[in-house]
Protein backbone atom coordinates (compact mmCIF):
# COMPACT_ATOMS: atom_id res chain seq x y z
CA UNK A 1 9.20 43.23 -86.95
CA UNK A 2 10.57 41.90 -84.12
CA UNK A 3 9.05 42.67 -80.55
CA UNK A 4 10.87 43.58 -77.57
CA UNK A 5 10.71 40.02 -76.15
CA UNK A 6 11.47 38.39 -79.30
CA UNK A 7 15.00 40.41 -79.12
CA UNK A 8 15.67 40.00 -75.79
CA UNK A 9 15.71 36.29 -76.29
CA UNK A 10 19.03 36.83 -79.15
CA UNK A 11 20.64 38.49 -75.62
CA UNK A 12 19.47 36.14 -72.99
CA UNK A 13 22.09 33.68 -72.27
CA UNK A 14 21.50 30.24 -71.07
CA UNK A 15 21.99 31.03 -67.52
CA UNK A 16 19.36 33.87 -67.69
CA UNK A 17 21.73 36.82 -68.07
CA UNK A 18 20.98 39.48 -70.66
CA UNK A 19 24.34 40.67 -72.15
CA UNK A 20 24.46 42.75 -75.13
CA UNK A 21 28.00 44.48 -77.05
CA UNK A 22 28.99 45.54 -79.96
CA UNK A 23 32.28 46.54 -81.45
CA UNK A 24 33.36 49.70 -80.27
CA UNK A 25 35.87 49.91 -82.92
CA UNK A 26 36.89 49.60 -86.58
CA UNK A 27 37.27 45.66 -87.14
CA UNK A 28 40.70 44.72 -88.65
CA UNK A 29 40.45 41.68 -89.65
CA UNK A 30 43.19 38.64 -90.64
CA UNK A 31 42.46 34.87 -91.88
CA UNK A 32 44.40 31.66 -91.42
CA UNK A 33 44.44 28.66 -93.02
CA UNK A 34 42.83 29.21 -96.44
CA UNK A 35 43.43 30.01 -99.73
CA UNK A 36 43.70 33.52 -101.59
CA UNK A 37 39.57 33.01 -102.94
CA UNK A 38 38.52 32.24 -99.49
CA UNK A 39 40.08 34.76 -97.87
CA UNK A 40 38.49 37.46 -100.28
CA UNK A 41 35.19 35.65 -99.42
CA UNK A 42 35.60 36.14 -95.66
CA UNK A 43 36.65 39.73 -95.88
CA UNK A 44 33.74 40.92 -98.28
CA UNK A 45 31.24 39.20 -95.92
CA UNK A 46 33.19 41.61 -92.92
CA UNK A 47 33.04 44.67 -95.70
CA UNK A 48 29.08 43.64 -96.28
CA UNK A 49 28.18 43.34 -92.96
CA UNK A 50 30.14 46.27 -92.01
CA UNK A 51 28.36 48.47 -94.17
CA UNK A 52 24.95 47.45 -93.63
CA UNK A 53 25.31 47.53 -89.91
CA UNK A 54 26.83 51.18 -90.84
CA UNK A 55 30.25 50.31 -88.92
CA UNK A 56 34.06 50.57 -89.78
CA UNK A 57 36.66 48.29 -91.18
CA UNK A 58 40.59 49.58 -90.81
CA UNK A 59 43.58 47.70 -92.44
CA UNK A 60 45.07 47.67 -88.46
CA UNK A 61 43.63 47.82 -85.24
CA UNK A 62 46.26 50.96 -83.47
CA UNK A 63 46.49 48.59 -80.44
CA UNK A 64 46.09 45.14 -81.54
CA UNK A 65 47.60 45.13 -85.20
CA UNK A 66 44.42 42.62 -86.37
CA UNK A 67 41.56 42.30 -84.10
CA UNK A 68 39.56 39.53 -85.39
CA UNK A 69 41.28 36.24 -86.36
CA UNK A 70 39.43 33.27 -88.36
CA UNK A 71 41.10 30.04 -88.02
CA UNK A 72 40.37 27.50 -90.11
CA UNK A 73 41.70 23.74 -89.31
CA UNK A 74 40.88 19.68 -89.27
CA UNK A 75 41.14 19.16 -85.36
CA UNK A 76 41.39 21.13 -82.35
CA UNK A 77 44.97 20.29 -81.41
CA UNK A 78 46.53 22.33 -84.39
CA UNK A 79 45.76 25.81 -82.59
CA UNK A 80 48.10 24.49 -79.27
CA UNK A 81 50.99 24.37 -82.57
CA UNK A 82 50.05 28.45 -83.56
CA UNK A 83 52.99 30.47 -82.05
CA UNK A 84 51.82 32.76 -79.59
CA UNK A 85 48.16 31.78 -79.61
CA UNK A 86 48.27 30.81 -75.98
CA UNK A 87 49.31 34.33 -74.69
CA UNK A 88 46.16 35.93 -76.35
CA UNK A 89 43.84 33.20 -75.05
CA UNK A 90 43.67 32.22 -71.69
CA UNK A 91 43.48 28.53 -71.10
CA UNK A 92 43.75 27.59 -74.27
CA UNK A 93 45.05 24.22 -74.02
CA UNK A 94 41.87 23.16 -71.53
CA UNK A 95 39.85 24.70 -73.87
CA UNK A 96 41.03 22.84 -77.03
CA UNK A 97 40.36 19.65 -74.43
CA UNK A 98 36.80 20.79 -74.08
CA UNK A 99 36.12 21.51 -77.73
CA UNK A 100 37.28 18.47 -78.94
CA UNK A 101 35.98 15.99 -76.74
CA UNK A 102 32.36 17.88 -77.48
CA UNK A 103 32.98 17.40 -81.25
CA UNK A 104 32.46 21.10 -82.06
CA UNK A 105 33.39 22.66 -85.43
CA UNK A 106 32.99 26.28 -84.42
CA UNK A 107 33.90 28.59 -81.06
CA UNK A 108 34.65 32.36 -80.47
CA UNK A 109 36.48 34.10 -78.01
CA UNK A 110 35.66 37.97 -77.31
CA UNK A 111 37.56 40.34 -75.61
CA UNK A 112 36.37 43.72 -74.61
CA UNK A 113 37.29 47.23 -73.86
CA UNK A 114 37.44 49.03 -70.61
CA UNK A 115 33.71 50.77 -71.50
CA UNK A 116 32.38 47.21 -72.26
CA UNK A 117 32.14 46.90 -75.97
CA UNK A 118 33.75 44.10 -78.15
CA UNK A 119 37.82 45.03 -78.91
CA UNK A 120 38.56 41.95 -80.69
CA UNK A 121 37.32 38.42 -81.51
CA UNK A 122 38.74 34.98 -82.27
CA UNK A 123 36.98 33.00 -84.59
CA UNK A 124 37.94 28.61 -84.54
CA UNK A 125 36.59 26.79 -87.47
CA UNK A 126 37.08 23.14 -87.24
CA UNK A 127 36.07 21.80 -91.26
CA UNK A 128 34.28 18.68 -90.32
CA UNK A 129 32.01 17.52 -92.95
CA UNK A 130 29.15 19.40 -91.64
CA UNK A 131 31.22 22.96 -91.96
CA UNK A 132 32.79 21.34 -95.37
CA UNK A 133 29.77 20.98 -96.83
CA UNK A 134 28.53 24.69 -96.93
CA UNK A 135 29.87 26.82 -100.03
CA UNK A 136 32.42 29.95 -98.77
CA UNK A 137 29.80 32.47 -99.00
CA UNK A 138 27.65 30.97 -96.61
CA UNK A 139 29.89 30.05 -94.05
CA UNK A 140 31.96 33.73 -94.11
CA UNK A 141 28.66 35.66 -93.51
CA UNK A 142 27.11 32.81 -90.97
CA UNK A 143 30.48 34.14 -89.13
CA UNK A 144 30.73 37.49 -89.59
CA UNK A 145 27.18 37.36 -88.40
CA UNK A 146 27.76 36.18 -85.47
CA UNK A 147 31.02 37.95 -83.99
CA UNK A 148 29.39 41.77 -85.08
CA UNK A 149 27.55 41.66 -81.75
CA UNK A 150 27.79 39.07 -78.40
CA UNK A 151 24.71 37.07 -78.95
CA UNK A 152 23.12 35.11 -76.44
CA UNK A 153 25.12 31.90 -76.53
CA UNK A 154 21.49 30.11 -77.29
CA UNK A 155 20.74 32.88 -79.67
CA UNK A 156 21.11 30.37 -83.13
CA UNK A 157 20.56 26.88 -81.71
CA UNK A 158 16.98 26.80 -83.37
CA UNK A 159 17.42 28.79 -86.14
CA UNK A 160 19.92 30.32 -88.50
CA UNK A 161 20.68 33.92 -89.00
CA UNK A 162 20.64 33.35 -92.31
CA UNK A 163 18.06 32.37 -95.16
CA UNK A 164 17.47 31.23 -98.32
CA UNK A 165 15.68 33.20 -101.08
CA UNK A 166 14.10 31.64 -103.99
CA UNK A 167 16.47 31.30 -106.41
CA UNK A 168 18.68 29.43 -104.26
CA UNK A 169 21.52 32.63 -102.29
CA UNK A 170 21.67 32.35 -99.05
CA UNK A 171 21.46 35.94 -97.67
CA UNK A 172 21.14 37.59 -93.85
CA UNK A 173 17.27 36.87 -92.77
CA UNK A 174 16.10 40.68 -92.70
CA UNK A 175 14.98 40.69 -89.00
CA UNK A 176 18.54 39.86 -88.08
CA UNK A 177 20.16 42.70 -90.51
CA UNK A 178 17.44 45.19 -88.56
CA UNK A 179 18.70 43.94 -85.19
CA UNK A 180 21.98 44.67 -86.41
CA UNK A 181 21.67 48.33 -87.82
CA UNK A 182 19.37 48.75 -84.18
CA UNK A 183 22.43 47.53 -82.06
CA UNK A 184 25.04 49.68 -84.04
CA UNK A 185 22.39 52.94 -83.95
CA UNK A 186 24.79 55.99 -82.42
CA UNK A 187 22.03 56.36 -79.72
CA UNK A 188 22.26 52.98 -78.56
CA UNK A 189 25.41 51.92 -75.75
CA UNK A 190 27.95 49.75 -77.10
CA UNK A 191 27.10 47.65 -73.74
CA UNK A 192 24.06 46.77 -72.17
CA UNK A 193 22.76 44.64 -69.23
CA UNK A 194 20.09 45.13 -68.16
CA UNK A 195 16.63 43.44 -70.51
CA UNK A 196 15.01 46.84 -70.75
CA UNK A 197 17.99 47.52 -73.61
CA UNK A 198 15.93 45.48 -75.39
CA UNK A 199 12.65 47.81 -75.21
CA UNK A 200 15.23 50.08 -76.63
CA UNK A 201 16.52 47.99 -79.61
CA UNK A 202 12.74 47.06 -80.67
CA UNK A 203 11.81 50.26 -80.96
CA UNK A 204 14.79 51.73 -83.18
CA UNK A 205 13.60 48.86 -85.56
CA UNK A 206 10.05 50.36 -85.54
CA UNK A 207 11.62 53.62 -85.97
CA UNK A 208 14.17 52.19 -88.79
CA UNK A 209 11.48 50.91 -90.45
CA UNK A 210 9.07 53.69 -90.79
CA UNK A 211 11.66 55.66 -92.01
CA UNK A 212 12.11 52.78 -94.89
CA UNK A 213 8.60 52.39 -95.54
């Protein structure tokens, strides 16, 4: 099980600041740019991770209609042709230009409510060779996990949140699953910007581990 220092690293950004946030409302996803088979895989990943976290899903969000939008595409400039997306994402054109220059293959934009909890997430996936080589289940699970919390921008640069079993199946790493569950514990705040929050997360993980044992 992770200690507080390890937990803190997952929410300490590259500028040294600590910032944690979880969803404050049920998740209502929609997926663009894929066939129905992949659509069901993505929604299935959301259902599985939400169930694991003790969070809820909904068909619609009363304020936004859908609050998670997942876009699959080949080139970044395709986003500029999506109707009204520039109204949802401030500075869309310069963002697309920056991501294209960096040859990025994924990006996530979060929006927050007045309490600082996540209220919307936009997931952009450019299907380059690396992304296209991943099985749909692996890609979907990875993206859902990274949208469940406001992780540090460097949280998974060295190691994926997923692991592989002996039979080849790809699953969520147990310690990451435990950390997500701790983050969604009702006694924990929906948003925190003090590193002492990591101590509380680690404590919740230890309590949960004791309950399992």
